[in-house]
Amino acid sequence: MARTHNIKEFNAEAARFAATLKKGQAATIVALLGELGAGKTSFTQAIAKYFGIDETLASPTFVIEKIYEAKSGPFTRLIHIDAYRLEKARDLEVLGWDEIVADAQNVILLEWPEKVPGLVPKGAKTVSITLLEGETREFTYGEKN
């Protein structure tokens, strides 16, 4: 668990977490949990910056998925998915979920994983972000069982 009190600490925490991500046999999946406004997209933006992505990342709420080329780190692509508007897991499967999950070159940051139950594989990283008072955030890290 970690706690941050301002945006500088928040970004440093995201970078610290990004440094722990390693390439495996398949894509590295990070399931981001937290209420609206907790900072899931901001966390993704800071991770993207860590991997050398200079583009401005916006939440892909309406397009569902955005793919970025990583310029540093162990991954070739960062895939940012926002499942908030999805009704069922099948909605993500039609976007090529099985293919992107199979590719070890990908790091996938998935907001609202609870909207696509069953698609997040065992062993995926989980990050729960809790909004506390003011700019304070609490991070709880784990793995999906």
C-alpha atoms as a PDB file:
ATOM      1  CA  MET A   1       0.000   0.000   0.000  1.00  0.00           C
ATOM      2  CA  ALA A   2       1.134   3.536  -0.716  1.00  0.00           C
ATOM      3  CA  ARG A   3      -0.288   6.995  -0.176  1.00  0.00           C
ATOM      4  CA  THR A   4       0.313  10.204  -2.118  1.00  0.00           C
ATOM      5  CA  HIS A   5      -0.662  13.764  -1.204  1.00  0.00           C
ATOM      6  CA  ASN A   6      -0.155  15.720  -4.427  1.00  0.00           C
ATOM      7  CA  ILE A   7       0.254  15.242  -8.174  1.00  0.00           C
ATOM      8  CA  LYS A   8       4.056  15.111  -7.992  1.00  0.00           C
ATOM      9  CA  GLU A   9       3.938  12.232  -5.492  1.00  0.00           C
ATOM     10  CA  PHE A  10       1.128  10.591  -7.495  1.00  0.00           C
ATOM     11  CA  ASN A  11       3.215  10.610 -10.694  1.00  0.00           C
ATOM     12  CA  ALA A  12       6.271   9.336  -8.826  1.00  0.00           C
ATOM     13  CA  GLU A  13       4.212   6.455  -7.406  1.00  0.00           C
ATOM     14  CA  ALA A  14       2.943   5.535 -10.875  1.00  0.00           C
ATOM     15  CA  ALA A  15       6.515   5.576 -12.219  1.00  0.00           C
ATOM     16  CA  ARG A  16       7.683   3.423  -9.302  1.00  0.00           C
ATOM     17  CA  PHE A  17       4.948   0.916 -10.127  1.00  0.00           C
ATOM     18  CA  ALA A  18       5.749   1.026 -13.870  1.00  0.00           C
ATOM     19  CA  ALA A  19       9.361   0.134 -13.090  1.00  0.00           C
ATOM     20  CA  THR A  20       8.152  -3.140 -11.539  1.00  0.00           C
ATOM     21  CA  LEU A  21       6.374  -4.294 -14.712  1.00  0.00           C
ATOM     22  CA  LYS A  22       8.200  -7.054 -16.553  1.00  0.00           C
ATOM     23  CA  LYS A  23       7.544  -8.807 -19.817  1.00  0.00           C
ATOM     24  CA  GLY A  24       6.146 -12.318 -19.489  1.00  0.00           C
ATOM     25  CA  GLN A  25       4.863 -15.092 -21.761  1.00  0.00           C
ATOM     26  CA  ALA A  26       1.808 -13.013 -22.681  1.00  0.00           C
ATOM     27  CA  ALA A  27       0.727  -9.396 -22.289  1.00  0.00           C
ATOM     28  CA  THR A  28       1.197  -7.757 -18.916  1.00  0.00           C
ATOM     29  CA  ILE A  29      -2.229  -6.704 -17.703  1.00  0.00           C
ATOM     30  CA  VAL A  30      -2.868  -4.048 -15.081  1.00  0.00           C
ATOM     31  CA  ALA A  31      -6.470  -3.872 -13.869  1.00  0.00           C
ATOM     32  CA  LEU A  32      -7.206  -0.401 -12.479  1.00  0.00           C
ATOM     33  CA  LEU A  33      -9.922  -0.176  -9.848  1.00  0.00           C
ATOM     34  CA  GLY A  34     -11.438   2.892  -8.245  1.00  0.00           C
ATOM     35  CA  GLU A  35     -14.430   5.172  -8.273  1.00  0.00           C
ATOM     36  CA  LEU A  36     -14.961   7.918 -10.847  1.00  0.00           C
ATOM     37  CA  GLY A  37     -12.332  10.588 -10.293  1.00  0.00           C
ATOM     38  CA  ALA A  38      -9.989   8.374  -8.284  1.00  0.00           C
ATOM     39  CA  GLY A  39      -7.167   8.806 -10.805  1.00  0.00           C
ATOM     40  CA  LYS A  40      -7.161   5.696 -13.019  1.00  0.00           C
ATOM     41  CA  THR A  41      -6.552   7.675 -16.212  1.00  0.00           C
ATOM     42  CA  SER A  42      -3.972   9.912 -14.501  1.00  0.00           C
ATOM     43  CA  PHE A  43      -2.160   6.786 -13.295  1.00  0.00           C
ATOM     44  CA  THR A  44      -2.153   5.466 -16.874  1.00  0.00           C
ATOM     45  CA  GLN A  45      -0.833   8.814 -18.149  1.00  0.00           C
ATOM     46  CA  ALA A  46       2.071   8.701 -15.700  1.00  0.00           C
ATOM     47  CA  ILE A  47       2.894   5.105 -16.669  1.00  0.00           C
ATOM     48  CA  ALA A  48       2.815   6.091 -20.356  1.00  0.00           C
ATOM     49  CA  LYS A  49       5.255   8.915 -19.656  1.00  0.00           C
ATOM     50  CA  TYR A  50       7.539   6.421 -17.876  1.00  0.00           C
ATOM     51  CA  PHE A  51       7.544   4.276 -21.038  1.00  0.00           C
ATOM     52  CA  GLY A  52       8.510   7.269 -23.191  1.00  0.00           C
ATOM     53  CA  ILE A  53       5.087   8.031 -24.648  1.00  0.00           C
ATOM     54  CA  ASP A  54       4.886  11.778 -25.237  1.00  0.00           C
ATOM     55  CA  GLU A  55       1.338  11.864 -26.590  1.00  0.00           C
ATOM     56  CA  THR A  56      -1.390  13.235 -24.395  1.00  0.00           C
ATOM     57  CA  LEU A  57      -3.484  10.322 -23.181  1.00  0.00           C
ATOM     58  CA  ALA A  58      -7.176  10.978 -22.797  1.00  0.00           C
ATOM     59  CA  SER A  59      -9.589   8.498 -21.297  1.00  0.00           C
ATOM     60  CA  PRO A  60     -10.767   6.161 -24.075  1.00  0.00           C
ATOM     61  CA  THR A  61     -14.293   6.051 -22.608  1.00  0.00           C
ATOM     62  CA  PHE A  62     -15.995   6.539 -25.970  1.00  0.00           C
ATOM     63  CA  VAL A  63     -13.516   4.745 -28.240  1.00  0.00           C
ATOM     64  CA  ILE A  64     -12.917   2.005 -25.615  1.00  0.00           C
ATOM     65  CA  GLU A  65      -9.310   1.294 -26.659  1.00  0.00           C
ATOM     66  CA  LYS A  66      -6.244   3.348 -27.572  1.00  0.00           C
ATOM     67  CA  ILE A  67      -2.864   1.914 -28.566  1.00  0.00           C
ATOM     68  CA  TYR A  68       0.414   3.785 -28.084  1.00  0.00           C
ATOM     69  CA  GLU A  69       3.950   2.913 -29.154  1.00  0.00           C
ATOM     70  CA  ALA A  70       6.292   2.722 -26.163  1.00  0.00           C
ATOM     71  CA  LYS A  71       9.689   4.290 -26.747  1.00  0.00           C
ATOM     72  CA  SER A  72      11.397   2.844 -23.666  1.00  0.00           C
ATOM     73  CA  GLY A  73      10.999  -0.066 -21.309  1.00  0.00           C
ATOM     74  CA  PRO A  74      10.339  -3.731 -21.954  1.00  0.00           C
ATOM     75  CA  PHE A  75       7.119  -3.290 -23.972  1.00  0.00           C
ATOM     76  CA  THR A  76       6.494  -2.224 -27.560  1.00  0.00           C
ATOM     77  CA  ARG A  77       2.908  -1.101 -27.016  1.00  0.00           C
ATOM     78  CA  LEU A  78       0.829   0.356 -24.212  1.00  0.00           C
ATOM     79  CA  ILE A  79      -2.849  -0.420 -24.684  1.00  0.00           C
ATOM     80  CA  HIS A  80      -5.274   1.684 -22.659  1.00  0.00           C
ATOM     81  CA  ILE A  81      -8.785   0.264 -22.368  1.00  0.00           C
ATOM     82  CA  ASP A  82     -11.743   1.833 -20.594  1.00  0.00           C
ATOM     83  CA  ALA A  83     -14.497  -0.757 -20.114  1.00  0.00           C
ATOM     84  CA  TYR A  84     -16.879   1.646 -18.344  1.00  0.00           C
ATOM     85  CA  ARG A  85     -19.410   1.708 -21.190  1.00  0.00           C
ATOM     86  CA  LEU A  86     -19.269  -2.012 -21.939  1.00  0.00           C
ATOM     87  CA  GLU A  87     -22.306  -4.137 -21.169  1.00  0.00           C
ATOM     88  CA  LYS A  88     -20.635  -7.557 -21.197  1.00  0.00           C
ATOM     89  CA  ALA A  89     -17.282  -9.277 -21.722  1.00  0.00           C
ATOM     90  CA  ARG A  90     -18.186 -10.080 -25.333  1.00  0.00           C
ATOM     91  CA  ASP A  91     -18.002  -6.346 -26.123  1.00  0.00           C
ATOM     92  CA  LEU A  92     -14.274  -6.428 -25.391  1.00  0.00           C
ATOM     93  CA  GLU A  93     -13.690  -9.744 -27.144  1.00  0.00           C
ATOM     94  CA  VAL A  94     -14.852  -8.276 -30.476  1.00  0.00           C
ATOM     95  CA  LEU A  95     -12.093  -5.656 -30.174  1.00  0.00           C
ATOM     96  CA  GLY A  96      -9.467  -8.420 -30.405  1.00  0.00           C
ATOM     97  CA  TRP A  97      -8.949  -9.017 -26.678  1.00  0.00           C
ATOM     98  CA  ASP A  98      -7.598 -12.552 -27.189  1.00  0.00           C
ATOM     99  CA  GLU A  99      -4.952 -11.329 -29.640  1.00  0.00           C
ATOM    100  CA  ILE A 100      -3.701  -8.384 -27.602  1.00  0.00           C
ATOM    101  CA  VAL A 101      -3.576 -10.475 -24.414  1.00  0.00           C
ATOM    102  CA  ALA A 102      -1.509 -13.156 -26.158  1.00  0.00           C
ATOM    103  CA  ASP A 103       1.211 -10.677 -27.248  1.00  0.00           C
ATOM    104  CA  ALA A 104       4.023 -10.331 -24.683  1.00  0.00           C
ATOM    105  CA  GLN A 105       5.025  -7.012 -26.301  1.00  0.00           C
ATOM    106  CA  ASN A 106       1.888  -5.399 -24.824  1.00  0.00           C
ATOM    107  CA  VAL A 107       1.245  -3.812 -21.478  1.00  0.00           C
ATOM    108  CA  ILE A 108      -2.511  -3.377 -21.074  1.00  0.00           C
ATOM    109  CA  LEU A 109      -3.997  -0.893 -18.616  1.00  0.00           C
ATOM    110  CA  LEU A 110      -7.644  -1.754 -18.123  1.00  0.00           C
ATOM    111  CA  GLU A 111      -9.969   0.674 -16.380  1.00  0.00           C
ATOM    112  CA  TRP A 112     -13.220  -0.728 -14.957  1.00  0.00           C
ATOM    113  CA  PRO A 113     -12.240  -4.431 -15.151  1.00  0.00           C
ATOM    114  CA  GLU A 114     -15.348  -5.311 -13.154  1.00  0.00           C
ATOM    115  CA  LYS A 115     -17.375  -4.543 -16.309  1.00  0.00           C
ATOM    116  CA  VAL A 116     -15.747  -7.482 -18.140  1.00  0.00           C
ATOM    117  CA  PRO A 117     -15.741 -10.277 -15.561  1.00  0.00           C
ATOM    118  CA  GLY A 118     -13.932 -13.395 -16.611  1.00  0.00           C
ATOM    119  CA  LEU A 119     -11.652 -11.688 -19.134  1.00  0.00           C
ATOM    120  CA  VAL A 120      -8.948 -10.555 -16.725  1.00  0.00           C
ATOM    121  CA  PRO A 121      -6.654 -13.564 -16.352  1.00  0.00           C
ATOM    122  CA  LYS A 122      -5.349 -14.964 -13.110  1.00  0.00           C
ATOM    123  CA  GLY A 123      -2.079 -13.282 -12.196  1.00  0.00           C
ATOM    124  CA  ALA A 124      -2.975  -9.897 -13.716  1.00  0.00           C
ATOM    125  CA  LYS A 125      -1.713  -6.984 -11.644  1.00  0.00           C
ATOM    126  CA  THR A 126      -4.367  -5.024  -9.783  1.00  0.00           C
ATOM    127  CA  VAL A 127      -4.150  -1.424  -8.643  1.00  0.00           C
ATOM    128  CA  SER A 128      -6.932  -0.054  -6.455  1.00  0.00           C
ATOM    129  CA  ILE A 129      -6.901   3.725  -6.150  1.00  0.00           C
ATOM    130  CA  THR A 130      -8.890   5.279  -3.339  1.00  0.00           C
ATOM    131  CA  LEU A 131      -9.610   8.997  -3.297  1.00  0.00           C
ATOM    132  CA  LEU A 132      -9.156  10.374   0.198  1.00  0.00           C
ATOM    133  CA  GLU A 133      -9.275  13.979   1.352  1.00  0.00           C
ATOM    134  CA  GLY A 134      -8.136  16.661  -1.133  1.00  0.00           C
ATOM    135  CA  GLU A 135      -5.507  15.309  -3.523  1.00  0.00           C
ATOM    136  CA  THR A 136      -4.593  12.375  -1.275  1.00  0.00           C
ATOM    137  CA  ARG A 137      -4.798   8.952  -2.908  1.00  0.00           C
ATOM    138  CA  GLU A 138      -4.195   5.511  -1.473  1.00  0.00           C
ATOM    139  CA  PHE A 139      -2.896   2.697  -3.680  1.00  0.00           C
ATOM    140  CA  THR A 140      -3.398  -0.986  -2.955  1.00  0.00           C
ATOM    141  CA  TYR A 141      -1.513  -3.425  -5.162  1.00  0.00           C
ATOM    142  CA  GLY A 142      -2.171  -7.097  -5.799  1.00  0.00           C
ATOM    143  CA  GLU A 143      -2.785  -9.834  -8.336  1.00  0.00           C
ATOM    144  CA  LYS A 144      -6.005 -11.330  -9.594  1.00  0.00           C
ATOM    145  CA  ASN A 145      -6.690 -14.741  -8.109  1.00  0.00           C
END
